[in-house]
Amino acid sequence: MVTGLVLVRLNAGREKQTLKQIKDTKGVAHTSAVYGRWDLVVDIEAEDLPSMTHVVVEKIRAIPGVASTETLVTTAI
């Protein structure tokens, strides 16, 4: 199991619709709205790194209203 945090910047005016689609995306475990340079922090869970890449690139980035993302892969310490 691979987990990660995806920092998401949203386009103005579509926040509610975009957030709903992100929450409904398979692999998204949790979402948090934040203030600052990013608008959302999305917790991702996937079987492996290629699967996580698919969720971020093919699913989340394809949602209308997502302006940009930055993914932080997490590890247990």
PDB file of N, CA and C in Angstrom:
ATOM      1  N   MET A   1       0.847  -1.179   0.000  1.00  0.00           N
ATOM      2  CA  MET A   1       0.000   0.000   0.000  1.00  0.00           C
ATOM      3  C   MET A   1       0.892   1.242   0.000  1.00  0.00           C
ATOM      4  N   VAL A   2       0.574   2.172  -0.883  1.00  0.00           N
ATOM      5  CA  VAL A   2       1.277   3.445  -0.987  1.00  0.00           C
ATOM      6  C   VAL A   2       0.289   4.537  -0.625  1.00  0.00           C
ATOM      7  N   THR A   3       0.749   5.489   0.180  1.00  0.00           N
ATOM      8  CA  THR A   3      -0.105   6.625   0.526  1.00  0.00           C
ATOM      9  C   THR A   3       0.606   7.906   0.144  1.00  0.00           C
ATOM     10  N   GLY A   4      -0.175   8.945  -0.065  1.00  0.00           N
ATOM     11  CA  GLY A   4       0.410  10.219  -0.430  1.00  0.00           C
ATOM     12  C   GLY A   4      -0.534  11.362  -0.151  1.00  0.00           C
ATOM     13  N   LEU A   5       0.016  12.551  -0.195  1.00  0.00           N
ATOM     14  CA  LEU A   5      -0.754  13.773  -0.060  1.00  0.00           C
ATOM     15  C   LEU A   5      -0.662  14.520  -1.376  1.00  0.00           C
ATOM     16  N   VAL A   6      -1.794  14.941  -1.887  1.00  0.00           N
ATOM     17  CA  VAL A   6      -1.819  15.716  -3.118  1.00  0.00           C
ATOM     18  C   VAL A   6      -2.284  17.119  -2.764  1.00  0.00           C
ATOM     19  N   LEU A   7      -1.420  18.093  -3.016  1.00  0.00           N
ATOM     20  CA  LEU A   7      -1.769  19.491  -2.821  1.00  0.00           C
ATOM     21  C   LEU A   7      -2.430  19.964  -4.103  1.00  0.00           C
ATOM     22  N   VAL A   8      -3.605  20.576  -3.976  1.00  0.00           N
ATOM     23  CA  VAL A   8      -4.400  20.929  -5.159  1.00  0.00           C
ATOM     24  C   VAL A   8      -4.711  22.420  -5.148  1.00  0.00           C
ATOM     25  N   ARG A   9      -4.476  23.060  -6.273  1.00  0.00           N
ATOM     26  CA  ARG A   9      -4.890  24.448  -6.483  1.00  0.00           C
ATOM     27  C   ARG A   9      -6.101  24.413  -7.404  1.00  0.00           C
ATOM     28  N   LEU A  10      -7.168  25.107  -7.013  1.00  0.00           N
ATOM     29  CA  LEU A  10      -8.420  25.110  -7.773  1.00  0.00           C
ATOM     30  C   LEU A  10      -8.607  26.407  -8.545  1.00  0.00           C
ATOM     31  N   ASN A  11      -9.339  26.324  -9.642  1.00  0.00           N
ATOM     32  CA  ASN A  11      -9.756  27.516 -10.365  1.00  0.00           C
ATOM     33  C   ASN A  11     -10.938  28.139  -9.633  1.00  0.00           C
ATOM     34  N   ALA A  12     -10.956  29.450  -9.575  1.00  0.00           N
ATOM     35  CA  ALA A  12     -12.037  30.162  -8.887  1.00  0.00           C
ATOM     36  C   ALA A  12     -13.370  29.928  -9.592  1.00  0.00           C
ATOM     37  N   GLY A  13     -14.421  29.763  -8.774  1.00  0.00           N
ATOM     38  CA  GLY A  13     -15.768  29.648  -9.312  1.00  0.00           C
ATOM     39  C   GLY A  13     -16.295  28.239  -9.461  1.00  0.00           C
ATOM     40  N   ARG A  14     -15.433  27.237  -9.363  1.00  0.00           N
ATOM     41  CA  ARG A  14     -15.874  25.843  -9.529  1.00  0.00           C
ATOM     42  C   ARG A  14     -15.524  24.997  -8.317  1.00  0.00           C
ATOM     43  N   GLU A  15     -15.229  25.619  -7.194  1.00  0.00           N
ATOM     44  CA  GLU A  15     -14.706  24.889  -6.048  1.00  0.00           C
ATOM     45  C   GLU A  15     -15.626  23.756  -5.576  1.00  0.00           C
ATOM     46  N   LYS A  16     -16.916  24.038  -5.416  1.00  0.00           N
ATOM     47  CA  LYS A  16     -17.836  23.021  -4.890  1.00  0.00           C
ATOM     48  C   LYS A  16     -17.948  21.819  -5.816  1.00  0.00           C
ATOM     49  N   GLN A  17     -18.109  22.073  -7.118  1.00  0.00           N
ATOM     50  CA  GLN A  17     -18.230  20.982  -8.081  1.00  0.00           C
ATOM     51  C   GLN A  17     -16.938  20.162  -8.147  1.00  0.00           C
ATOM     52  N   THR A  18     -15.806  20.864  -8.141  1.00  0.00           N
ATOM     53  CA  THR A  18     -14.515  20.193  -8.229  1.00  0.00           C
ATOM     54  C   THR A  18     -14.260  19.350  -6.982  1.00  0.00           C
ATOM     55  N   LEU A  19     -14.558  19.897  -5.810  1.00  0.00           N
ATOM     56  CA  LEU A  19     -14.365  19.167  -4.561  1.00  0.00           C
ATOM     57  C   LEU A  19     -15.202  17.895  -4.537  1.00  0.00           C
ATOM     58  N   LYS A  20     -16.446  17.971  -4.984  1.00  0.00           N
ATOM     59  CA  LYS A  20     -17.308  16.786  -5.004  1.00  0.00           C
ATOM     60  C   LYS A  20     -16.708  15.701  -5.893  1.00  0.00           C
ATOM     61  N   GLN A  21     -16.232  16.083  -7.081  1.00  0.00           N
ATOM     62  CA  GLN A  21     -15.644  15.097  -7.991  1.00  0.00           C
ATOM     63  C   GLN A  21     -14.376  14.481  -7.411  1.00  0.00           C
ATOM     64  N   ILE A  22     -13.564  15.299  -6.749  1.00  0.00           N
ATOM     65  CA  ILE A  22     -12.341  14.771  -6.138  1.00  0.00           C
ATOM     66  C   ILE A  22     -12.704  13.769  -5.047  1.00  0.00           C
ATOM     67  N   LYS A  23     -13.663  14.124  -4.178  1.00  0.00           N
ATOM     68  CA  LYS A  23     -14.076  13.227  -3.093  1.00  0.00           C
ATOM     69  C   LYS A  23     -14.611  11.902  -3.630  1.00  0.00           C
ATOM     70  N   ASP A  24     -15.260  11.921  -4.791  1.00  0.00           N
ATOM     71  CA  ASP A  24     -15.843  10.722  -5.378  1.00  0.00           C
ATOM     72  C   ASP A  24     -14.831   9.871  -6.159  1.00  0.00           C
ATOM     73  N   THR A  25     -13.598  10.326  -6.271  1.00  0.00           N
ATOM     74  CA  THR A  25     -12.572   9.623  -7.029  1.00  0.00           C
ATOM     75  C   THR A  25     -12.065   8.411  -6.247  1.00  0.00           C
ATOM     76  N   LYS A  26     -12.045   7.256  -6.900  1.00  0.00           N
ATOM     77  CA  LYS A  26     -11.530   6.033  -6.270  1.00  0.00           C
ATOM     78  C   LYS A  26     -10.056   6.230  -5.933  1.00  0.00           C
ATOM     79  N   GLY A  27      -9.706   5.940  -4.686  1.00  0.00           N
ATOM     80  CA  GLY A  27      -8.336   6.121  -4.224  1.00  0.00           C
ATOM     81  C   GLY A  27      -8.181   7.317  -3.299  1.00  0.00           C
ATOM     82  N   VAL A  28      -9.157   8.212  -3.312  1.00  0.00           N
ATOM     83  CA  VAL A  28      -9.126   9.368  -2.415  1.00  0.00           C
ATOM     84  C   VAL A  28      -9.700   8.938  -1.072  1.00  0.00           C
ATOM     85  N   ALA A  29      -8.869   9.047  -0.028  1.00  0.00           N
ATOM     86  CA  ALA A  29      -9.284   8.629   1.314  1.00  0.00           C
ATOM     87  C   ALA A  29      -9.871   9.780   2.120  1.00  0.00           C
ATOM     88  N   HIS A  30      -9.355  10.995   1.916  1.00  0.00           N
ATOM     89  CA  HIS A  30      -9.790  12.139   2.717  1.00  0.00           C
ATOM     90  C   HIS A  30      -9.401  13.423   2.004  1.00  0.00           C
ATOM     91  N   THR A  31     -10.192  14.463   2.190  1.00  0.00           N
ATOM     92  CA  THR A  31      -9.854  15.780   1.649  1.00  0.00           C
ATOM     93  C   THR A  31      -9.958  16.820   2.752  1.00  0.00           C
ATOM     94  N   SER A  32      -9.079  17.808   2.707  1.00  0.00           N
ATOM     95  CA  SER A  32      -9.107  18.917   3.659  1.00  0.00           C
ATOM     96  C   SER A  32      -8.940  20.225   2.899  1.00  0.00           C
ATOM     97  N   ALA A  33      -9.816  21.185   3.171  1.00  0.00           N
ATOM     98  CA  ALA A  33      -9.661  22.525   2.609  1.00  0.00           C
ATOM     99  C   ALA A  33      -8.630  23.267   3.456  1.00  0.00           C
ATOM    100  N   VAL A  34      -7.734  23.974   2.797  1.00  0.00           N
ATOM    101  CA  VAL A  34      -6.689  24.721   3.496  1.00  0.00           C
ATOM    102  C   VAL A  34      -6.586  26.124   2.903  1.00  0.00           C
ATOM    103  N   TYR A  35      -5.948  27.007   3.639  1.00  0.00           N
ATOM    104  CA  TYR A  35      -5.719  28.367   3.167  1.00  0.00           C
ATOM    105  C   TYR A  35      -4.248  28.528   2.838  1.00  0.00           C
ATOM    106  N   GLY A  36      -3.973  29.375   1.870  1.00  0.00           N
ATOM    107  CA  GLY A  36      -2.594  29.622   1.476  1.00  0.00           C
ATOM    108  C   GLY A  36      -2.413  29.368  -0.003  1.00  0.00           C
ATOM    109  N   ARG A  37      -1.229  28.920  -0.359  1.00  0.00           N
ATOM    110  CA  ARG A  37      -0.892  28.695  -1.761  1.00  0.00           C
ATOM    111  C   ARG A  37      -1.721  27.584  -2.383  1.00  0.00           C
ATOM    112  N   TRP A  38      -2.165  26.613  -1.582  1.00  0.00           N
ATOM    113  CA  TRP A  38      -2.960  25.488  -2.050  1.00  0.00           C
ATOM    114  C   TRP A  38      -4.360  25.605  -1.481  1.00  0.00           C
ATOM    115  N   ASP A  39      -5.330  24.998  -2.145  1.00  0.00           N
ATOM    116  CA  ASP A  39      -6.722  25.048  -1.709  1.00  0.00           C
ATOM    117  C   ASP A  39      -7.172  23.769  -1.013  1.00  0.00           C
ATOM    118  N   LEU A  40      -6.600  22.638  -1.410  1.00  0.00           N
ATOM    119  CA  LEU A  40      -6.978  21.342  -0.838  1.00  0.00           C
ATOM    120  C   LEU A  40      -5.746  20.499  -0.562  1.00  0.00           C
ATOM    121  N   VAL A  41      -5.864  19.648   0.463  1.00  0.00           N
ATOM    122  CA  VAL A  41      -4.909  18.563   0.677  1.00  0.00           C
ATOM    123  C   VAL A  41      -5.725  17.289   0.568  1.00  0.00           C
ATOM    124  N   VAL A  42      -5.334  16.417  -0.353  1.00  0.00           N
ATOM    125  CA  VAL A  42      -6.069  15.188  -0.628  1.00  0.00           C
ATOM    126  C   VAL A  42      -5.200  13.998  -0.227  1.00  0.00           C
ATOM    127  N   ASP A  43      -5.729  13.146   0.659  1.00  0.00           N
ATOM    128  CA  ASP A  43      -5.034  11.916   1.050  1.00  0.00           C
ATOM    129  C   ASP A  43      -5.382  10.829   0.041  1.00  0.00           C
ATOM    130  N   ILE A  44      -4.342  10.198  -0.502  1.00  0.00           N
ATOM    131  CA  ILE A  44      -4.504   9.163  -1.526  1.00  0.00           C
ATOM    132  C   ILE A  44      -4.006   7.831  -0.973  1.00  0.00           C
ATOM    133  N   GLU A  45      -4.709   6.758  -1.314  1.00  0.00           N
ATOM    134  CA  GLU A  45      -4.252   5.405  -1.008  1.00  0.00           C
ATOM    135  C   GLU A  45      -4.305   4.599  -2.304  1.00  0.00           C
ATOM    136  N   ALA A  46      -3.217   3.879  -2.594  1.00  0.00           N
ATOM    137  CA  ALA A  46      -3.160   3.073  -3.815  1.00  0.00           C
ATOM    138  C   ALA A  46      -2.337   1.824  -3.553  1.00  0.00           C
ATOM    139  N   GLU A  47      -2.486   0.845  -4.422  1.00  0.00           N
ATOM    140  CA  GLU A  47      -1.760  -0.419  -4.290  1.00  0.00           C
ATOM    141  C   GLU A  47      -0.253  -0.236  -4.459  1.00  0.00           C
ATOM    142  N   ASP A  48       0.139   0.611  -5.415  1.00  0.00           N
ATOM    143  CA  ASP A  48       1.549   0.819  -5.705  1.00  0.00           C
ATOM    144  C   ASP A  48       1.734   2.203  -6.319  1.00  0.00           C
ATOM    145  N   LEU A  49       2.976   2.579  -6.564  1.00  0.00           N
ATOM    146  CA  LEU A  49       3.272   3.904  -7.097  1.00  0.00           C
ATOM    147  C   LEU A  49       2.661   4.146  -8.482  1.00  0.00           C
ATOM    148  N   PRO A  50       2.704   3.183  -9.412  1.00  0.00           N
ATOM    149  CA  PRO A  50       2.046   3.411 -10.696  1.00  0.00           C
ATOM    150  C   PRO A  50       0.535   3.650 -10.550  1.00  0.00           C
ATOM    151  N   SER A  51      -0.102   2.954  -9.614  1.00  0.00           N
ATOM    152  CA  SER A  51      -1.535   3.163  -9.386  1.00  0.00           C
ATOM    153  C   SER A  51      -1.792   4.555  -8.824  1.00  0.00           C
ATOM    154  N   MET A  52      -0.918   5.016  -7.930  1.00  0.00           N
ATOM    155  CA  MET A  52      -1.065   6.363  -7.384  1.00  0.00           C
ATOM    156  C   MET A  52      -0.891   7.401  -8.490  1.00  0.00           C
ATOM    157  N   THR A  53       0.087   7.178  -9.343  1.00  0.00           N
ATOM    158  CA  THR A  53       0.306   8.086 -10.466  1.00  0.00           C
ATOM    159  C   THR A  53      -0.943   8.165 -11.332  1.00  0.00           C
ATOM    160  N   HIS A  54      -1.572   7.024 -11.567  1.00  0.00           N
ATOM    161  CA  HIS A  54      -2.797   6.995 -12.372  1.00  0.00           C
ATOM    162  C   HIS A  54      -3.905   7.826 -11.717  1.00  0.00           C
ATOM    163  N   VAL A  55      -4.084   7.684 -10.410  1.00  0.00           N
ATOM    164  CA  VAL A  55      -5.125   8.442  -9.705  1.00  0.00           C
ATOM    165  C   VAL A  55      -4.873   9.942  -9.855  1.00  0.00           C
ATOM    166  N   VAL A  56      -3.633  10.357  -9.657  1.00  0.00           N
ATOM    167  CA  VAL A  56      -3.321  11.789  -9.707  1.00  0.00           C
ATOM    168  C   VAL A  56      -3.399  12.329 -11.131  1.00  0.00           C
ATOM    169  N   VAL A  57      -2.696  11.681 -12.046  1.00  0.00           N
ATOM    170  CA  VAL A  57      -2.575  12.215 -13.410  1.00  0.00           C
ATOM    171  C   VAL A  57      -3.845  12.000 -14.234  1.00  0.00           C
ATOM    172  N   GLU A  58      -4.375  10.796 -14.218  1.00  0.00           N
ATOM    173  CA  GLU A  58      -5.513  10.474 -15.083  1.00  0.00           C
ATOM    174  C   GLU A  58      -6.863  10.846 -14.472  1.00  0.00           C
ATOM    175  N   LYS A  59      -6.947  10.896 -13.160  1.00  0.00           N
ATOM    176  CA  LYS A  59      -8.237  11.158 -12.506  1.00  0.00           C
ATOM    177  C   LYS A  59      -8.325  12.585 -11.963  1.00  0.00           C
ATOM    178  N   ILE A  60      -7.487  12.911 -10.972  1.00  0.00           N
ATOM    179  CA  ILE A  60      -7.606  14.214 -10.305  1.00  0.00           C
ATOM    180  C   ILE A  60      -7.276  15.362 -11.246  1.00  0.00           C
ATOM    181  N   ARG A  61      -6.171  15.285 -11.961  1.00  0.00           N
ATOM    182  CA  ARG A  61      -5.786  16.396 -12.856  1.00  0.00           C
ATOM    183  C   ARG A  61      -6.763  16.571 -14.017  1.00  0.00           C
ATOM    184  N   ALA A  62      -7.541  15.534 -14.321  1.00  0.00           N
ATOM    185  CA  ALA A  62      -8.500  15.620 -15.427  1.00  0.00           C
ATOM    186  C   ALA A  62      -9.819  16.271 -15.012  1.00  0.00           C
ATOM    187  N   ILE A  63     -10.015  16.512 -13.732  1.00  0.00           N
ATOM    188  CA  ILE A  63     -11.268  17.099 -13.249  1.00  0.00           C
ATOM    189  C   ILE A  63     -11.295  18.581 -13.584  1.00  0.00           C
ATOM    190  N   PRO A  64     -12.366  19.053 -14.236  1.00  0.00           N
ATOM    191  CA  PRO A  64     -12.472  20.483 -14.527  1.00  0.00           C
ATOM    192  C   PRO A  64     -12.438  21.286 -13.225  1.00  0.00           C
ATOM    193  N   GLY A  65     -11.627  22.323 -13.203  1.00  0.00           N
ATOM    194  CA  GLY A  65     -11.498  23.161 -12.016  1.00  0.00           C
ATOM    195  C   GLY A  65     -10.202  22.933 -11.265  1.00  0.00           C
ATOM    196  N   VAL A  66      -9.484  21.844 -11.583  1.00  0.00           N
ATOM    197  CA  VAL A  66      -8.173  21.609 -10.972  1.00  0.00           C
ATOM    198  C   VAL A  66      -7.138  22.376 -11.791  1.00  0.00           C
ATOM    199  N   ALA A  67      -6.502  23.352 -11.147  1.00  0.00           N
ATOM    200  CA  ALA A  67      -5.512  24.183 -11.846  1.00  0.00           C
ATOM    201  C   ALA A  67      -4.133  23.543 -11.821  1.00  0.00           C
ATOM    202  N   SER A  68      -3.727  22.991 -10.664  1.00  0.00           N
ATOM    203  CA  SER A  68      -2.423  22.348 -10.553  1.00  0.00           C
ATOM    204  C   SER A  68      -2.384  21.454  -9.325  1.00  0.00           C
ATOM    205  N   THR A  69      -1.413  20.540  -9.324  1.00  0.00           N
ATOM    206  CA  THR A  69      -1.229  19.637  -8.185  1.00  0.00           C
ATOM    207  C   THR A  69       0.240  19.469  -7.883  1.00  0.00           C
ATOM    208  N   GLU A  70       0.515  19.057  -6.655  1.00  0.00           N
ATOM    209  CA  GLU A  70       1.838  18.637  -6.259  1.00  0.00           C
ATOM    210  C   GLU A  70       1.651  17.437  -5.343  1.00  0.00           C
ATOM    211  N   THR A  71       2.330  16.326  -5.642  1.00  0.00           N
ATOM    212  CA  THR A  71       2.122  15.088  -4.907  1.00  0.00           C
ATOM    213  C   THR A  71       3.317  14.806  -3.999  1.00  0.00           C
ATOM    214  N   LEU A  72       3.001  14.466  -2.751  1.00  0.00           N
ATOM    215  CA  LEU A  72       4.003  14.101  -1.760  1.00  0.00           C
ATOM    216  C   LEU A  72       3.737  12.649  -1.381  1.00  0.00           C
ATOM    217  N   VAL A  73       4.647  11.748  -1.745  1.00  0.00           N
ATOM    218  CA  VAL A  73       4.497  10.333  -1.408  1.00  0.00           C
ATOM    219  C   VAL A  73       4.957  10.149   0.028  1.00  0.00           C
ATOM    220  N   THR A  74       4.139   9.489   0.836  1.00  0.00           N
ATOM    221  CA  THR A  74       4.472   9.329   2.249  1.00  0.00           C
ATOM    222  C   THR A  74       5.042   7.934   2.513  1.00  0.00           C
ATOM    223  N   THR A  75       5.858   7.839   3.558  1.00  0.00           N
ATOM    224  CA  THR A  75       6.427   6.569   3.988  1.00  0.00           C
ATOM    225  C   THR A  75       6.302   6.462   5.496  1.00  0.00           C
ATOM    226  N   ALA A  76       6.231   5.246   5.984  1.00  0.00           N
ATOM    227  CA  ALA A  76       6.200   5.031   7.428  1.00  0.00           C
ATOM    228  C   ALA A  76       7.608   5.174   7.979  1.00  0.00           C
ATOM    229  N   ILE A  77       7.739   5.824   9.138  1.00  0.00           N
ATOM    230  CA  ILE A  77       9.059   5.963   9.759  1.00  0.00           C
ATOM    231  C   ILE A  77       9.042   5.417  11.161  1.00  0.00           C
TER     232      ILE A  77
END
